Amino acid sequence: AVIAHFNKLHVTAIELMPIVAWIDERHLGALG
């Protein structure tokens, strides 16, 4: 179903926002 959506839009390539292991910025925890 996801690939069908890409094909509907004639997508040539998908660009994935970062997928490697990251850590939260230290101010975020207190903000929930």
PDB file of all heavy atoms in Angstrom:
ATOM      1  N   ALA A   1       0.826  -1.209   0.000  1.00  0.00           N
ATOM      2  CA  ALA A   1       0.000   0.000   0.000  1.00  0.00           C
ATOM      3  C   ALA A   1       0.858   1.256   0.000  1.00  0.00           C
ATOM      4  O   ALA A   1       0.497   2.269  -0.629  1.00  0.00           O
ATOM      5  CB  ALA A   1      -0.933  -0.002   1.212  1.00  0.00           C
ATOM      6  N   VAL A   2       1.975   1.222   0.686  1.00  0.00           N
ATOM      7  CA  VAL A   2       2.881   2.372   0.723  1.00  0.00           C
ATOM      8  C   VAL A   2       3.561   2.540  -0.633  1.00  0.00           C
ATOM      9  O   VAL A   2       3.639   3.653  -1.184  1.00  0.00           O
ATOM     10  CB  VAL A   2       3.919   2.203   1.846  1.00  0.00           C
ATOM     11  CG1 VAL A   2       4.961   3.311   1.797  1.00  0.00           C
ATOM     12  CG2 VAL A   2       3.227   2.189   3.211  1.00  0.00           C
ATOM     13  N   ILE A   3       4.034   1.437  -1.182  1.00  0.00           N
ATOM     14  CA  ILE A   3       4.680   1.503  -2.491  1.00  0.00           C
ATOM     15  C   ILE A   3       3.689   1.962  -3.556  1.00  0.00           C
ATOM     16  O   ILE A   3       4.042   2.727  -4.472  1.00  0.00           O
ATOM     17  CB  ILE A   3       5.304   0.140  -2.848  1.00  0.00           C
ATOM     18  CG1 ILE A   3       6.514  -0.128  -1.937  1.00  0.00           C
ATOM     19  CG2 ILE A   3       5.727   0.101  -4.312  1.00  0.00           C
ATOM     20  CD1 ILE A   3       7.188  -1.464  -2.160  1.00  0.00           C
ATOM     21  N   ALA A   4       2.438   1.554  -3.440  1.00  0.00           N
ATOM     22  CA  ALA A   4       1.418   1.992  -4.408  1.00  0.00           C
ATOM     23  C   ALA A   4       1.261   3.512  -4.375  1.00  0.00           C
ATOM     24  O   ALA A   4       1.044   4.147  -5.417  1.00  0.00           O
ATOM     25  CB  ALA A   4       0.090   1.300  -4.103  1.00  0.00           C
ATOM     26  N   HIS A   5       1.365   4.095  -3.189  1.00  0.00           N
ATOM     27  CA  HIS A   5       1.266   5.561  -3.089  1.00  0.00           C
ATOM     28  C   HIS A   5       2.454   6.219  -3.772  1.00  0.00           C
ATOM     29  O   HIS A   5       2.291   7.207  -4.508  1.00  0.00           O
ATOM     30  CB  HIS A   5       1.183   5.980  -1.625  1.00  0.00           C
ATOM     31  CG  HIS A   5       0.923   7.439  -1.454  1.00  0.00           C
ATOM     32  ND1 HIS A   5      -0.296   8.019  -1.707  1.00  0.00           N
ATOM     33  CD2 HIS A   5       1.741   8.463  -1.066  1.00  0.00           C
ATOM     34  CE1 HIS A   5      -0.239   9.321  -1.484  1.00  0.00           C
ATOM     35  NE2 HIS A   5       0.991   9.611  -1.089  1.00  0.00           N
ATOM     36  N   PHE A   6       3.641   5.677  -3.559  1.00  0.00           N
ATOM     37  CA  PHE A   6       4.820   6.219  -4.252  1.00  0.00           C
ATOM     38  C   PHE A   6       4.631   6.131  -5.759  1.00  0.00           C
ATOM     39  O   PHE A   6       4.945   7.078  -6.496  1.00  0.00           O
ATOM     40  CB  PHE A   6       6.078   5.446  -3.851  1.00  0.00           C
ATOM     41  CG  PHE A   6       6.450   5.534  -2.396  1.00  0.00           C
ATOM     42  CD1 PHE A   6       7.124   4.487  -1.774  1.00  0.00           C
ATOM     43  CD2 PHE A   6       6.149   6.651  -1.640  1.00  0.00           C
ATOM     44  CE1 PHE A   6       7.481   4.551  -0.444  1.00  0.00           C
ATOM     45  CE2 PHE A   6       6.501   6.736  -0.303  1.00  0.00           C
ATOM     46  CZ  PHE A   6       7.175   5.674   0.298  1.00  0.00           C
ATOM     47  N   ASN A   7       4.158   5.012  -6.230  1.00  0.00           N
ATOM     48  CA  ASN A   7       3.988   4.829  -7.676  1.00  0.00           C
ATOM     49  C   ASN A   7       2.919   5.758  -8.242  1.00  0.00           C
ATOM     50  O   ASN A   7       3.035   6.244  -9.374  1.00  0.00           O
ATOM     51  CB  ASN A   7       3.639   3.374  -7.983  1.00  0.00           C
ATOM     52  CG  ASN A   7       4.842   2.451  -7.886  1.00  0.00           C
ATOM     53  OD1 ASN A   7       5.977   2.899  -8.077  1.00  0.00           O
ATOM     54  ND2 ASN A   7       4.623   1.195  -7.587  1.00  0.00           N
ATOM     55  N   LYS A   8       1.869   6.009  -7.477  1.00  0.00           N
ATOM     56  CA  LYS A   8       0.827   6.930  -7.933  1.00  0.00           C
ATOM     57  C   LYS A   8       1.413   8.306  -8.217  1.00  0.00           C
ATOM     58  O   LYS A   8       0.987   8.994  -9.156  1.00  0.00           O
ATOM     59  CB  LYS A   8      -0.275   7.031  -6.874  1.00  0.00           C
ATOM     60  CG  LYS A   8      -1.399   7.991  -7.231  1.00  0.00           C
ATOM     61  CD  LYS A   8      -2.470   8.022  -6.146  1.00  0.00           C
ATOM     62  CE  LYS A   8      -3.608   8.981  -6.523  1.00  0.00           C
ATOM     63  NZ  LYS A   8      -4.674   9.000  -5.480  1.00  0.00           N
ATOM     64  N   LEU A   9       2.413   8.698  -7.434  1.00  0.00           N
ATOM     65  CA  LEU A   9       3.050  10.007  -7.575  1.00  0.00           C
ATOM     66  C   LEU A   9       4.290   9.966  -8.467  1.00  0.00           C
ATOM     67  O   LEU A   9       4.993  10.961  -8.589  1.00  0.00           O
ATOM     68  CB  LEU A   9       3.438  10.545  -6.198  1.00  0.00           C
ATOM     69  CG  LEU A   9       2.298  10.723  -5.196  1.00  0.00           C
ATOM     70  CD1 LEU A   9       2.843  11.152  -3.845  1.00  0.00           C
ATOM     71  CD2 LEU A   9       1.275  11.727  -5.703  1.00  0.00           C
ATOM     72  N   HIS A  10       4.561   8.808  -9.081  1.00  0.00           N
ATOM     73  CA  HIS A  10       5.736   8.636  -9.950  1.00  0.00           C
ATOM     74  C   HIS A  10       7.019   9.053  -9.221  1.00  0.00           C
ATOM     75  O   HIS A  10       7.887   9.728  -9.790  1.00  0.00           O
ATOM     76  CB  HIS A  10       5.567   9.426 -11.245  1.00  0.00           C
ATOM     77  CG  HIS A  10       4.472   8.902 -12.128  1.00  0.00           C
ATOM     78  ND1 HIS A  10       4.688   7.968 -13.118  1.00  0.00           N
ATOM     79  CD2 HIS A  10       3.142   9.162 -12.146  1.00  0.00           C
ATOM     80  CE1 HIS A  10       3.544   7.680 -13.716  1.00  0.00           C
ATOM     81  NE2 HIS A  10       2.583   8.390 -13.133  1.00  0.00           N
ATOM     82  N   VAL A  11       7.115   8.648  -7.977  1.00  0.00           N
ATOM     83  CA  VAL A  11       8.294   8.967  -7.178  1.00  0.00           C
ATOM     84  C   VAL A  11       9.505   8.219  -7.738  1.00  0.00           C
ATOM     85  O   VAL A  11       9.453   7.010  -7.965  1.00  0.00           O
ATOM     86  CB  VAL A  11       8.057   8.593  -5.700  1.00  0.00           C
ATOM     87  CG1 VAL A  11       9.349   8.644  -4.904  1.00  0.00           C
ATOM     88  CG2 VAL A  11       7.000   9.514  -5.095  1.00  0.00           C
ATOM     89  N   THR A  12      10.586   8.952  -7.945  1.00  0.00           N
ATOM     90  CA  THR A  12      11.824   8.352  -8.444  1.00  0.00           C
ATOM     91  C   THR A  12      12.678   7.814  -7.311  1.00  0.00           C
ATOM     92  O   THR A  12      13.342   6.793  -7.447  1.00  0.00           O
ATOM     93  CB  THR A  12      12.636   9.389  -9.236  1.00  0.00           C
ATOM     94  OG1 THR A  12      11.764  10.104 -10.108  1.00  0.00           O
ATOM     95  CG2 THR A  12      13.720   8.713 -10.053  1.00  0.00           C
ATOM     96  N   ALA A  13      12.669   8.528  -6.179  1.00  0.00           N
ATOM     97  CA  ALA A  13      13.424   8.087  -4.996  1.00  0.00           C
ATOM     98  C   ALA A  13      12.771   8.665  -3.760  1.00  0.00           C
ATOM     99  O   ALA A  13      12.265   9.791  -3.775  1.00  0.00           O
ATOM    100  CB  ALA A  13      14.883   8.527  -5.074  1.00  0.00           C
ATOM    101  N   ILE A  14      12.785   7.889  -2.694  1.00  0.00           N
ATOM    102  CA  ILE A  14      12.366   8.432  -1.405  1.00  0.00           C
ATOM    103  C   ILE A  14      13.617   8.878  -0.648  1.00  0.00           C
ATOM    104  O   ILE A  14      14.686   8.276  -0.782  1.00  0.00           O
ATOM    105  CB  ILE A  14      11.550   7.419  -0.572  1.00  0.00           C
ATOM    106  CG1 ILE A  14      12.356   6.146  -0.291  1.00  0.00           C
ATOM    107  CG2 ILE A  14      10.245   7.093  -1.277  1.00  0.00           C
ATOM    108  CD1 ILE A  14      11.652   5.193   0.680  1.00  0.00           C
ATOM    109  N   GLU A  15      13.467   9.956   0.098  1.00  0.00           N
ATOM    110  CA  GLU A  15      14.569  10.468   0.919  1.00  0.00           C
ATOM    111  C   GLU A  15      14.150  10.346   2.372  1.00  0.00           C
ATOM    112  O   GLU A  15      13.198  10.990   2.818  1.00  0.00           O
ATOM    113  CB  GLU A  15      14.858  11.922   0.561  1.00  0.00           C
ATOM    114  CG  GLU A  15      16.022  12.537   1.351  1.00  0.00           C
ATOM    115  CD  GLU A  15      16.326  13.945   0.888  1.00  0.00           C
ATOM    116  OE1 GLU A  15      16.681  14.102  -0.302  1.00  0.00           O
ATOM    117  OE2 GLU A  15      16.182  14.881   1.691  1.00  0.00           O
ATOM    118  N   LEU A  16      14.856   9.487   3.107  1.00  0.00           N
ATOM    119  CA  LEU A  16      14.498   9.198   4.490  1.00  0.00           C
ATOM    120  C   LEU A  16      15.196  10.168   5.429  1.00  0.00           C
ATOM    121  O   LEU A  16      16.436  10.235   5.468  1.00  0.00           O
ATOM    122  CB  LEU A  16      14.887   7.768   4.859  1.00  0.00           C
ATOM    123  CG  LEU A  16      14.366   6.654   3.940  1.00  0.00           C
ATOM    124  CD1 LEU A  16      14.752   5.289   4.506  1.00  0.00           C
ATOM    125  CD2 LEU A  16      12.858   6.748   3.759  1.00  0.00           C
ATOM    126  N   MET A  17      14.407  10.906   6.190  1.00  0.00           N
ATOM    127  CA  MET A  17      14.988  11.703   7.259  1.00  0.00           C
ATOM    128  C   MET A  17      15.760  10.777   8.198  1.00  0.00           C
ATOM    129  O   MET A  17      15.573   9.551   8.146  1.00  0.00           O
ATOM    130  CB  MET A  17      13.887  12.464   7.984  1.00  0.00           C
ATOM    131  CG  MET A  17      13.299  13.605   7.145  1.00  0.00           C
ATOM    132  SD  MET A  17      11.775  14.315   7.820  1.00  0.00           S
ATOM    133  CE  MET A  17      12.342  14.952   9.398  1.00  0.00           C
ATOM    134  N   PRO A  18      16.663  11.286   9.023  1.00  0.00           N
ATOM    135  CA  PRO A  18      17.643  10.441   9.724  1.00  0.00           C
ATOM    136  C   PRO A  18      17.060   9.179  10.355  1.00  0.00           C
ATOM    137  O   PRO A  18      16.052   9.216  11.057  1.00  0.00           O
ATOM    138  CB  PRO A  18      18.207  11.381  10.780  1.00  0.00           C
ATOM    139  CG  PRO A  18      18.147  12.719  10.131  1.00  0.00           C
ATOM    140  CD  PRO A  18      16.852  12.716   9.361  1.00  0.00           C
ATOM    141  N   ILE A  19      17.755   8.077  10.099  1.00  0.00           N
ATOM    142  CA  ILE A  19      17.331   6.783  10.638  1.00  0.00           C
ATOM    143  C   ILE A  19      18.421   6.144  11.495  1.00  0.00           C
ATOM    144  O   ILE A  19      18.257   5.012  11.945  1.00  0.00           O
ATOM    145  CB  ILE A  19      16.915   5.809   9.513  1.00  0.00           C
ATOM    146  CG1 ILE A  19      18.064   5.563   8.531  1.00  0.00           C
ATOM    147  CG2 ILE A  19      15.680   6.326   8.783  1.00  0.00           C
ATOM    148  CD1 ILE A  19      17.773   4.482   7.502  1.00  0.00           C
ATOM    149  N   VAL A  20      19.522   6.852  11.728  1.00  0.00           N
ATOM    150  CA  VAL A  20      20.559   6.302  12.608  1.00  0.00           C
ATOM    151  C   VAL A  20      20.292   6.752  14.040  1.00  0.00           C
ATOM    152  O   VAL A  20      19.529   7.681  14.293  1.00  0.00           O
ATOM    153  CB  VAL A  20      21.978   6.698  12.160  1.00  0.00           C
ATOM    154  CG1 VAL A  20      22.252   6.207  10.747  1.00  0.00           C
ATOM    155  CG2 VAL A  20      22.202   8.189  12.267  1.00  0.00           C
ATOM    156  N   ALA A  21      20.912   6.071  14.985  1.00  0.00           N
ATOM    157  CA  ALA A  21      20.612   6.251  16.404  1.00  0.00           C
ATOM    158  C   ALA A  21      20.954   7.660  16.881  1.00  0.00           C
ATOM    159  O   ALA A  21      22.073   8.137  16.704  1.00  0.00           O
ATOM    160  CB  ALA A  21      21.372   5.222  17.224  1.00  0.00           C
ATOM    161  N   TRP A  22      19.971   8.303  17.512  1.00  0.00           N
ATOM    162  CA  TRP A  22      20.158   9.658  18.017  1.00  0.00           C
ATOM    163  C   TRP A  22      19.749   9.739  19.488  1.00  0.00           C
ATOM    164  O   TRP A  22      19.166   8.818  20.047  1.00  0.00           O
ATOM    165  CB  TRP A  22      19.355  10.652  17.178  1.00  0.00           C
ATOM    166  CG  TRP A  22      17.862  10.602  17.358  1.00  0.00           C
ATOM    167  CD1 TRP A  22      17.115  11.249  18.306  1.00  0.00           C
ATOM    168  CD2 TRP A  22      16.912   9.873  16.564  1.00  0.00           C
ATOM    169  NE1 TRP A  22      15.778  10.979  18.153  1.00  0.00           N
ATOM    170  CE2 TRP A  22      15.622  10.127  17.087  1.00  0.00           C
ATOM    171  CE3 TRP A  22      17.028   9.028  15.456  1.00  0.00           C
ATOM    172  CZ2 TRP A  22      14.463   9.573  16.551  1.00  0.00           C
ATOM    173  CZ3 TRP A  22      15.871   8.474  14.909  1.00  0.00           C
ATOM    174  CH2 TRP A  22      14.612   8.747  15.457  1.00  0.00           C
ATOM    175  N   ILE A  23      20.067  10.876  20.079  1.00  0.00           N
ATOM    176  CA  ILE A  23      19.719  11.129  21.484  1.00  0.00           C
ATOM    177  C   ILE A  23      18.944  12.438  21.560  1.00  0.00           C
ATOM    178  O   ILE A  23      19.181  13.368  20.778  1.00  0.00           O
ATOM    179  CB  ILE A  23      20.995  11.191  22.356  1.00  0.00           C
ATOM    180  CG1 ILE A  23      20.637  11.169  23.856  1.00  0.00           C
ATOM    181  CG2 ILE A  23      21.855  12.396  22.010  1.00  0.00           C
ATOM    182  CD1 ILE A  23      21.869  10.936  24.748  1.00  0.00           C
ATOM    183  N   ASP A  24      18.005  12.530  22.463  1.00  0.00           N
ATOM    184  CA  ASP A  24      17.232  13.759  22.628  1.00  0.00           C
ATOM    185  C   ASP A  24      18.100  14.889  23.158  1.00  0.00           C
ATOM    186  O   ASP A  24      19.007  14.663  23.981  1.00  0.00           O
ATOM    187  CB  ASP A  24      16.080  13.544  23.613  1.00  0.00           C
ATOM    188  CG  ASP A  24      14.905  12.799  23.008  1.00  0.00           C
ATOM    189  OD1 ASP A  24      14.918  12.566  21.782  1.00  0.00           O
ATOM    190  OD2 ASP A  24      13.982  12.449  23.763  1.00  0.00           O
ATOM    191  N   GLU A  25      17.812  16.111  22.730  1.00  0.00           N
ATOM    192  CA  GLU A  25      18.436  17.286  23.326  1.00  0.00           C
ATOM    193  C   GLU A  25      18.033  17.373  24.795  1.00  0.00           C
ATOM    194  O   GLU A  25      16.920  17.016  25.169  1.00  0.00           O
ATOM    195  CB  GLU A  25      17.986  18.540  22.571  1.00  0.00           C
ATOM    196  CG  GLU A  25      18.526  18.644  21.155  1.00  0.00           C
ATOM    197  CD  GLU A  25      17.751  17.837  20.128  1.00  0.00           C
ATOM    198  OE1 GLU A  25      16.810  17.092  20.526  1.00  0.00           O
ATOM    199  OE2 GLU A  25      18.069  17.917  18.941  1.00  0.00           O
ATOM    200  N   ARG A  26      18.917  17.871  25.646  1.00  0.00           N
ATOM    201  CA  ARG A  26      18.731  17.743  27.082  1.00  0.00           C
ATOM    202  C   ARG A  26      17.562  18.559  27.624  1.00  0.00           C
ATOM    203  O   ARG A  26      17.054  18.257  28.710  1.00  0.00           O
ATOM    204  CB  ARG A  26      20.012  18.103  27.836  1.00  0.00           C
ATOM    205  CG  ARG A  26      20.508  19.523  27.674  1.00  0.00           C
ATOM    206  CD  ARG A  26      21.773  19.746  28.500  1.00  0.00           C
ATOM    207  NE  ARG A  26      22.322  21.084  28.332  1.00  0.00           N
ATOM    208  CZ  ARG A  26      23.227  21.404  27.409  1.00  0.00           C
ATOM    209  NH1 ARG A  26      23.659  20.478  26.563  1.00  0.00           N
ATOM    210  NH2 ARG A  26      23.685  22.636  27.321  1.00  0.00           N
ATOM    211  N   HIS A  27      17.085  19.558  26.888  1.00  0.00           N
ATOM    212  CA  HIS A  27      15.985  20.377  27.398  1.00  0.00           C
ATOM    213  C   HIS A  27      14.617  19.750  27.133  1.00  0.00           C
ATOM    214  O   HIS A  27      13.617  20.194  27.707  1.00  0.00           O
ATOM    215  CB  HIS A  27      16.032  21.776  26.772  1.00  0.00           C
ATOM    216  CG  HIS A  27      15.608  21.817  25.338  1.00  0.00           C
ATOM    217  ND1 HIS A  27      16.446  21.456  24.302  1.00  0.00           N
ATOM    218  CD2 HIS A  27      14.420  22.166  24.751  1.00  0.00           C
ATOM    219  CE1 HIS A  27      15.811  21.597  23.154  1.00  0.00           C
ATOM    220  NE2 HIS A  27      14.579  22.018  23.401  1.00  0.00           N
ATOM    221  N   LEU A  28      14.559  18.711  26.298  1.00  0.00           N
ATOM    222  CA  LEU A  28      13.256  18.197  25.881  1.00  0.00           C
ATOM    223  C   LEU A  28      12.528  17.428  26.976  1.00  0.00           C
ATOM    224  O   LEU A  28      11.298  17.481  27.071  1.00  0.00           O
ATOM    225  CB  LEU A  28      13.413  17.316  24.639  1.00  0.00           C
ATOM    226  CG  LEU A  28      13.810  18.040  23.349  1.00  0.00           C
ATOM    227  CD1 LEU A  28      13.925  17.049  22.201  1.00  0.00           C
ATOM    228  CD2 LEU A  28      12.814  19.137  23.003  1.00  0.00           C
ATOM    229  N   GLY A  29      13.264  16.690  27.795  1.00  0.00           N
ATOM    230  CA  GLY A  29      12.624  15.862  28.815  1.00  0.00           C
ATOM    231  C   GLY A  29      11.743  16.666  29.754  1.00  0.00           C
ATOM    232  O   GLY A  29      10.618  16.257  30.075  1.00  0.00           O
ATOM    233  N   ALA A  30      12.240  17.807  30.191  1.00  0.00           N
ATOM    234  CA  ALA A  30      11.469  18.635  31.124  1.00  0.00           C
ATOM    235  C   ALA A  30      10.208  19.187  30.482  1.00  0.00           C
ATOM    236  O   ALA A  30       9.244  19.534  31.175  1.00  0.00           O
ATOM    237  CB  ALA A  30      12.337  19.789  31.625  1.00  0.00           C
ATOM    238  N   LEU A  31      10.186  19.230  29.155  1.00  0.00           N
ATOM    239  CA  LEU A  31       9.017  19.731  28.437  1.00  0.00           C
ATOM    240  C   LEU A  31       8.055  18.602  28.066  1.00  0.00           C
ATOM    241  O   LEU A  31       6.997  18.862  27.480  1.00  0.00           O
ATOM    242  CB  LEU A  31       9.458  20.453  27.161  1.00  0.00           C
ATOM    243  CG  LEU A  31      10.327  21.704  27.352  1.00  0.00           C
ATOM    244  CD1 LEU A  31      10.848  22.201  26.015  1.00  0.00           C
ATOM    245  CD2 LEU A  31       9.533  22.806  28.052  1.00  0.00           C
ATOM    246  N   GLY A  32       8.434  17.378  28.387  1.00  0.00           N
ATOM    247  CA  GLY A  32       7.610  16.241  28.013  1.00  0.00           C
ATOM    248  C   GLY A  32       7.642  15.944  26.530  1.00  0.00           C
ATOM    249  O   GLY A  32       6.699  15.363  25.972  1.00  0.00           O
TER     250      GLY A  32
END
